[in-house]
Amino acid sequence: MIKIIIPVRCFTCNKPVGHLWEDYKKRTTAGEDAGNVMDQLGLKRYCCRQLFLGHVDLLKEVSAFKP
């Protein structure tokens, strides 16, 4: 499994968020609403929520250019 890079802490408020990514990804791919999942994980601020909603997994594309 290829691991993606999610920030350990929120860039704006410095809250630790990196440990929540795996649970968020599992639950949203299972069909749960992303907003409800973030509420239950304790991501209330919009700065923390944008890290999860705005994240794009490009590691597979970037790793194709690895020497």
PDB file of N, CA and C in Angstrom:
ATOM      1  N   MET A   1       0.831  -1.171   0.000  1.00  0.00           N
ATOM      2  CA  MET A   1       0.000   0.000   0.000  1.00  0.00           C
ATOM      3  C   MET A   1       0.881   1.241   0.000  1.00  0.00           C
ATOM      4  N   ILE A   2       0.575   2.162  -0.861  1.00  0.00           N
ATOM      5  CA  ILE A   2       1.334   3.400  -0.945  1.00  0.00           C
ATOM      6  C   ILE A   2       0.759   4.377   0.060  1.00  0.00           C
ATOM      7  N   LYS A   3       1.616   4.893   0.922  1.00  0.00           N
ATOM      8  CA  LYS A   3       1.196   5.879   1.915  1.00  0.00           C
ATOM      9  C   LYS A   3       1.242   7.264   1.291  1.00  0.00           C
ATOM     10  N   ILE A   4       0.256   8.072   1.618  1.00  0.00           N
ATOM     11  CA  ILE A   4       0.223   9.434   1.117  1.00  0.00           C
ATOM     12  C   ILE A   4       0.737  10.381   2.183  1.00  0.00           C
ATOM     13  N   ILE A   5       1.038  11.559   1.771  1.00  0.00           N
ATOM     14  CA  ILE A   5       1.585  12.531   2.701  1.00  0.00           C
ATOM     15  C   ILE A   5       0.480  13.494   3.110  1.00  0.00           C
ATOM     16  N   ILE A   6       0.053  13.399   4.343  1.00  0.00           N
ATOM     17  CA  ILE A   6      -0.907  14.335   4.931  1.00  0.00           C
ATOM     18  C   ILE A   6      -0.154  15.062   6.035  1.00  0.00           C
ATOM     19  N   PRO A   7      -0.341  16.361   6.171  1.00  0.00           N
ATOM     20  CA  PRO A   7       0.395  17.091   7.210  1.00  0.00           C
ATOM     21  C   PRO A   7       0.100  16.545   8.609  1.00  0.00           C
ATOM     22  N   VAL A   8       1.090  16.530   9.453  1.00  0.00           N
ATOM     23  CA  VAL A   8       0.926  16.060  10.824  1.00  0.00           C
ATOM     24  C   VAL A   8       0.072  17.044  11.612  1.00  0.00           C
ATOM     25  N   ARG A   9       0.271  18.333  11.365  1.00  0.00           N
ATOM     26  CA  ARG A   9      -0.483  19.371  12.062  1.00  0.00           C
ATOM     27  C   ARG A   9      -1.110  20.311  11.048  1.00  0.00           C
ATOM     28  N   CYS A  10      -2.196  20.938  11.486  1.00  0.00           N
ATOM     29  CA  CYS A  10      -2.848  21.945  10.655  1.00  0.00           C
ATOM     30  C   CYS A  10      -1.889  23.124  10.489  1.00  0.00           C
ATOM     31  N   PHE A  11      -1.821  23.654   9.284  1.00  0.00           N
ATOM     32  CA  PHE A  11      -0.909  24.763   9.014  1.00  0.00           C
ATOM     33  C   PHE A  11      -1.325  26.040   9.730  1.00  0.00           C
ATOM     34  N   THR A  12      -2.610  26.227   9.951  1.00  0.00           N
ATOM     35  CA  THR A  12      -3.113  27.472  10.514  1.00  0.00           C
ATOM     36  C   THR A  12      -3.183  27.458  12.033  1.00  0.00           C
ATOM     37  N   CYS A  13      -3.852  26.438  12.604  1.00  0.00           N
ATOM     38  CA  CYS A  13      -4.087  26.434  14.054  1.00  0.00           C
ATOM     39  C   CYS A  13      -3.153  25.495  14.808  1.00  0.00           C
ATOM     40  N   ASN A  14      -2.344  24.719  14.108  1.00  0.00           N
ATOM     41  CA  ASN A  14      -1.348  23.827  14.696  1.00  0.00           C
ATOM     42  C   ASN A  14      -1.948  22.630  15.442  1.00  0.00           C
ATOM     43  N   LYS A  15      -3.206  22.291  15.154  1.00  0.00           N
ATOM     44  CA  LYS A  15      -3.838  21.131  15.779  1.00  0.00           C
ATOM     45  C   LYS A  15      -3.322  19.859  15.110  1.00  0.00           C
ATOM     46  N   PRO A  16      -3.010  18.809  15.873  1.00  0.00           N
ATOM     47  CA  PRO A  16      -2.579  17.547  15.262  1.00  0.00           C
ATOM     48  C   PRO A  16      -3.730  16.895  14.498  1.00  0.00           C
ATOM     49  N   VAL A  17      -3.526  16.636  13.205  1.00  0.00           N
ATOM     50  CA  VAL A  17      -4.584  16.050  12.379  1.00  0.00           C
ATOM     51  C   VAL A  17      -4.113  14.836  11.586  1.00  0.00           C
ATOM     52  N   GLY A  18      -2.826  14.594  11.502  1.00  0.00           N
ATOM     53  CA  GLY A  18      -2.289  13.519  10.664  1.00  0.00           C
ATOM     54  C   GLY A  18      -2.767  12.140  11.055  1.00  0.00           C
ATOM     55  N   HIS A  19      -2.984  11.902  12.341  1.00  0.00           N
ATOM     56  CA  HIS A  19      -3.398  10.585  12.816  1.00  0.00           C
ATOM     57  C   HIS A  19      -4.855  10.275  12.474  1.00  0.00           C
ATOM     58  N   LEU A  20      -5.614  11.265  12.034  1.00  0.00           N
ATOM     59  CA  LEU A  20      -7.035  11.074  11.732  1.00  0.00           C
ATOM     60  C   LEU A  20      -7.288  10.676  10.281  1.00  0.00           C
ATOM     61  N   TRP A  21      -6.281  10.794   9.432  1.00  0.00           N
ATOM     62  CA  TRP A  21      -6.480  10.589   7.999  1.00  0.00           C
ATOM     63  C   TRP A  21      -6.938   9.172   7.656  1.00  0.00           C
ATOM     64  N   GLU A  22      -6.310   8.152   8.218  1.00  0.00           N
ATOM     65  CA  GLU A  22      -6.654   6.765   7.880  1.00  0.00           C
ATOM     66  C   GLU A  22      -8.123   6.472   8.187  1.00  0.00           C
ATOM     67  N   ASP A  23      -8.573   6.888   9.366  1.00  0.00           N
ATOM     68  CA  ASP A  23      -9.961   6.660   9.760  1.00  0.00           C
ATOM     69  C   ASP A  23     -10.910   7.435   8.844  1.00  0.00           C
ATOM     70  N   TYR A  24     -10.555   8.671   8.545  1.00  0.00           N
ATOM     71  CA  TYR A  24     -11.376   9.494   7.647  1.00  0.00           C
ATOM     72  C   TYR A  24     -11.503   8.838   6.280  1.00  0.00           C
ATOM     73  N   LYS A  25     -10.410   8.379   5.729  1.00  0.00           N
ATOM     74  CA  LYS A  25     -10.413   7.785   4.393  1.00  0.00           C
ATOM     75  C   LYS A  25     -11.234   6.501   4.356  1.00  0.00           C
ATOM     76  N   LYS A  26     -11.078   5.645   5.374  1.00  0.00           N
ATOM     77  CA  LYS A  26     -11.849   4.401   5.428  1.00  0.00           C
ATOM     78  C   LYS A  26     -13.338   4.668   5.488  1.00  0.00           C
ATOM     79  N   ARG A  27     -13.714   5.605   6.332  1.00  0.00           N
ATOM     80  CA  ARG A  27     -15.127   5.877   6.531  1.00  0.00           C
ATOM     81  C   ARG A  27     -15.770   6.561   5.327  1.00  0.00           C
ATOM     82  N   THR A  28     -15.053   7.456   4.667  1.00  0.00           N
ATOM     83  CA  THR A  28     -15.631   8.131   3.514  1.00  0.00           C
ATOM     84  C   THR A  28     -15.704   7.212   2.300  1.00  0.00           C
ATOM     85  N   THR A  29     -14.741   6.315   2.128  1.00  0.00           N
ATOM     86  CA  THR A  29     -14.825   5.364   1.021  1.00  0.00           C
ATOM     87  C   THR A  29     -15.898   4.313   1.271  1.00  0.00           C
ATOM     88  N   ALA A  30     -16.277   4.119   2.536  1.00  0.00           N
ATOM     89  CA  ALA A  30     -17.365   3.199   2.869  1.00  0.00           C
ATOM     90  C   ALA A  30     -18.730   3.838   2.623  1.00  0.00           C
ATOM     91  N   GLY A  31     -18.755   5.135   2.330  1.00  0.00           N
ATOM     92  CA  GLY A  31     -20.002   5.777   1.970  1.00  0.00           C
ATOM     93  C   GLY A  31     -20.546   6.778   2.976  1.00  0.00           C
ATOM     94  N   GLU A  32     -19.831   7.004   4.066  1.00  0.00           N
ATOM     95  CA  GLU A  32     -20.297   7.979   5.054  1.00  0.00           C
ATOM     96  C   GLU A  32     -20.083   9.399   4.536  1.00  0.00           C
ATOM     97  N   ASP A  33     -20.900  10.318   5.019  1.00  0.00           N
ATOM     98  CA  ASP A  33     -20.794  11.717   4.641  1.00  0.00           C
ATOM     99  C   ASP A  33     -19.517  12.316   5.224  1.00  0.00           C
ATOM    100  N   ALA A  34     -18.755  13.004   4.393  1.00  0.00           N
ATOM    101  CA  ALA A  34     -17.461  13.550   4.827  1.00  0.00           C
ATOM    102  C   ALA A  34     -17.629  14.560   5.956  1.00  0.00           C
ATOM    103  N   GLY A  35     -18.663  15.385   5.903  1.00  0.00           N
ATOM    104  CA  GLY A  35     -18.884  16.370   6.946  1.00  0.00           C
ATOM    105  C   GLY A  35     -19.175  15.739   8.293  1.00  0.00           C
ATOM    106  N   ASN A  36     -19.996  14.701   8.298  1.00  0.00           N
ATOM    107  CA  ASN A  36     -20.309  14.014   9.547  1.00  0.00           C
ATOM    108  C   ASN A  36     -19.085  13.307  10.123  1.00  0.00           C
ATOM    109  N   VAL A  37     -18.282  12.725   9.252  1.00  0.00           N
ATOM    110  CA  VAL A  37     -17.070  12.031   9.704  1.00  0.00           C
ATOM    111  C   VAL A  37     -16.108  13.018  10.347  1.00  0.00           C
ATOM    112  N   MET A  38     -15.934  14.180   9.715  1.00  0.00           N
ATOM    113  CA  MET A  38     -15.027  15.177  10.281  1.00  0.00           C
ATOM    114  C   MET A  38     -15.552  15.705  11.610  1.00  0.00           C
ATOM    115  N   ASP A  39     -16.870  15.875  11.727  1.00  0.00           N
ATOM    116  CA  ASP A  39     -17.451  16.305  13.002  1.00  0.00           C
ATOM    117  C   ASP A  39     -17.172  15.284  14.097  1.00  0.00           C
ATOM    118  N   GLN A  40     -17.331  14.009  13.790  1.00  0.00           N
ATOM    119  CA  GLN A  40     -17.113  12.957  14.780  1.00  0.00           C
ATOM    120  C   GLN A  40     -15.634  12.804  15.139  1.00  0.00           C
ATOM    121  N   LEU A  41     -14.747  13.123  14.215  1.00  0.00           N
ATOM    122  CA  LEU A  41     -13.311  13.048  14.485  1.00  0.00           C
ATOM    123  C   LEU A  41     -12.803  14.277  15.227  1.00  0.00           C
ATOM    124  N   GLY A  42     -13.649  15.285  15.384  1.00  0.00           N
ATOM    125  CA  GLY A  42     -13.260  16.476  16.123  1.00  0.00           C
ATOM    126  C   GLY A  42     -12.674  17.573  15.266  1.00  0.00           C
ATOM    127  N   LEU A  43     -12.857  17.502  13.963  1.00  0.00           N
ATOM    128  CA  LEU A  43     -12.363  18.548  13.070  1.00  0.00           C
ATOM    129  C   LEU A  43     -13.466  19.581  12.884  1.00  0.00           C
ATOM    130  N   LYS A  44     -13.480  20.580  13.743  1.00  0.00           N
ATOM    131  CA  LYS A  44     -14.542  21.594  13.741  1.00  0.00           C
ATOM    132  C   LYS A  44     -14.136  22.842  12.974  1.00  0.00           C
ATOM    133  N   ARG A  45     -12.858  23.181  12.989  1.00  0.00           N
ATOM    134  CA  ARG A  45     -12.398  24.404  12.333  1.00  0.00           C
ATOM    135  C   ARG A  45     -12.263  24.187  10.826  1.00  0.00           C
ATOM    136  N   TYR A  46     -12.571  25.223  10.078  1.00  0.00           N
ATOM    137  CA  TYR A  46     -12.507  25.106   8.622  1.00  0.00           C
ATOM    138  C   TYR A  46     -11.078  24.949   8.121  1.00  0.00           C
ATOM    139  N   CYS A  47     -10.088  25.429   8.885  1.00  0.00           N
ATOM    140  CA  CYS A  47      -8.703  25.290   8.434  1.00  0.00           C
ATOM    141  C   CYS A  47      -8.269  23.827   8.475  1.00  0.00           C
ATOM    142  N   CYS A  48      -8.731  23.080   9.483  1.00  0.00           N
ATOM    143  CA  CYS A  48      -8.399  21.655   9.579  1.00  0.00           C
ATOM    144  C   CYS A  48      -9.187  20.848   8.556  1.00  0.00           C
ATOM    145  N   ARG A  49     -10.439  21.222   8.356  1.00  0.00           N
ATOM    146  CA  ARG A  49     -11.302  20.504   7.420  1.00  0.00           C
ATOM    147  C   ARG A  49     -10.793  20.630   5.980  1.00  0.00           C
ATOM    148  N   GLN A  50     -10.236  21.794   5.652  1.00  0.00           N
ATOM    149  CA  GLN A  50      -9.757  21.989   4.279  1.00  0.00           C
ATOM    150  C   GLN A  50      -8.577  21.098   3.955  1.00  0.00           C
ATOM    151  N   LEU A  51      -7.789  20.711   4.957  1.00  0.00           N
ATOM    152  CA  LEU A  51      -6.680  19.787   4.707  1.00  0.00           C
ATOM    153  C   LEU A  51      -7.198  18.446   4.187  1.00  0.00           C
ATOM    154  N   PHE A  52      -8.306  17.994   4.751  1.00  0.00           N
ATOM    155  CA  PHE A  52      -8.864  16.707   4.372  1.00  0.00           C
ATOM    156  C   PHE A  52      -9.663  16.807   3.068  1.00  0.00           C
ATOM    157  N   LEU A  53     -10.469  17.854   2.927  1.00  0.00           N
ATOM    158  CA  LEU A  53     -11.279  17.995   1.724  1.00  0.00           C
ATOM    159  C   LEU A  53     -10.450  18.368   0.500  1.00  0.00           C
ATOM    160  N   GLY A  54      -9.385  19.126   0.715  1.00  0.00           N
ATOM    161  CA  GLY A  54      -8.577  19.583  -0.402  1.00  0.00           C
ATOM    162  C   GLY A  54      -7.414  18.679  -0.760  1.00  0.00           C
ATOM    163  N   HIS A  55      -7.246  17.586  -0.026  1.00  0.00           N
ATOM    164  CA  HIS A  55      -6.104  16.708  -0.281  1.00  0.00           C
ATOM    165  C   HIS A  55      -6.317  15.883  -1.553  1.00  0.00           C
ATOM    166  N   VAL A  56      -5.321  15.870  -2.411  1.00  0.00           N
ATOM    167  CA  VAL A  56      -5.351  15.081  -3.638  1.00  0.00           C
ATOM    168  C   VAL A  56      -4.173  14.119  -3.593  1.00  0.00           C
ATOM    169  N   ASP A  57      -4.446  12.839  -3.781  1.00  0.00           N
ATOM    170  CA  ASP A  57      -3.398  11.827  -3.723  1.00  0.00           C
ATOM    171  C   ASP A  57      -2.674  11.760  -5.068  1.00  0.00           C
ATOM    172  N   LEU A  58      -1.504  12.358  -5.133  1.00  0.00           N
ATOM    173  CA  LEU A  58      -0.707  12.380  -6.359  1.00  0.00           C
ATOM    174  C   LEU A  58       0.550  11.535  -6.252  1.00  0.00           C
ATOM    175  N   LEU A  59       0.678  10.761  -5.187  1.00  0.00           N
ATOM    176  CA  LEU A  59       1.907  10.024  -4.958  1.00  0.00           C
ATOM    177  C   LEU A  59       2.168   8.986  -6.044  1.00  0.00           C
ATOM    178  N   LYS A  60       1.126   8.341  -6.554  1.00  0.00           N
ATOM    179  CA  LYS A  60       1.320   7.353  -7.619  1.00  0.00           C
ATOM    180  C   LYS A  60       1.850   8.009  -8.889  1.00  0.00           C
ATOM    181  N   GLU A  61       1.300   9.186  -9.223  1.00  0.00           N
ATOM    182  CA  GLU A  61       1.758   9.895 -10.413  1.00  0.00           C
ATOM    183  C   GLU A  61       3.190  10.397 -10.243  1.00  0.00           C
ATOM    184  N   VAL A  62       3.521  10.899  -9.078  1.00  0.00           N
ATOM    185  CA  VAL A  62       4.855  11.432  -8.825  1.00  0.00           C
ATOM    186  C   VAL A  62       5.885  10.307  -8.761  1.00  0.00           C
ATOM    187  N   SER A  63       5.507   9.173  -8.197  1.00  0.00           N
ATOM    188  CA  SER A  63       6.459   8.068  -8.065  1.00  0.00           C
ATOM    189  C   SER A  63       6.831   7.451  -9.415  1.00  0.00           C
ATOM    190  N   ALA A  64       6.056   7.731 -10.449  1.00  0.00           N
ATOM    191  CA  ALA A  64       6.410   7.247 -11.785  1.00  0.00           C
ATOM    192  C   ALA A  64       7.690   7.890 -12.297  1.00  0.00           C
ATOM    193  N   PHE A  65       8.037   9.061 -11.782  1.00  0.00           N
ATOM    194  CA  PHE A  65       9.221   9.783 -12.222  1.00  0.00           C
ATOM    195  C   PHE A  65      10.421   9.567 -11.314  1.00  0.00           C
ATOM    196  N   LYS A  66      10.283   8.641 -10.376  1.00  0.00           N
ATOM    197  CA  LYS A  66      11.377   8.353  -9.459  1.00  0.00           C
ATOM    198  C   LYS A  66      12.528   7.698 -10.235  1.00  0.00           C
ATOM    199  N   PRO A  67      13.774   8.133  -9.976  1.00  0.00           N
ATOM    200  CA  PRO A  67      14.893   7.572 -10.740  1.00  0.00           C
ATOM    201  C   PRO A  67      15.199   6.136 -10.371  1.00  0.00           C
TER     202      PRO A  67
END
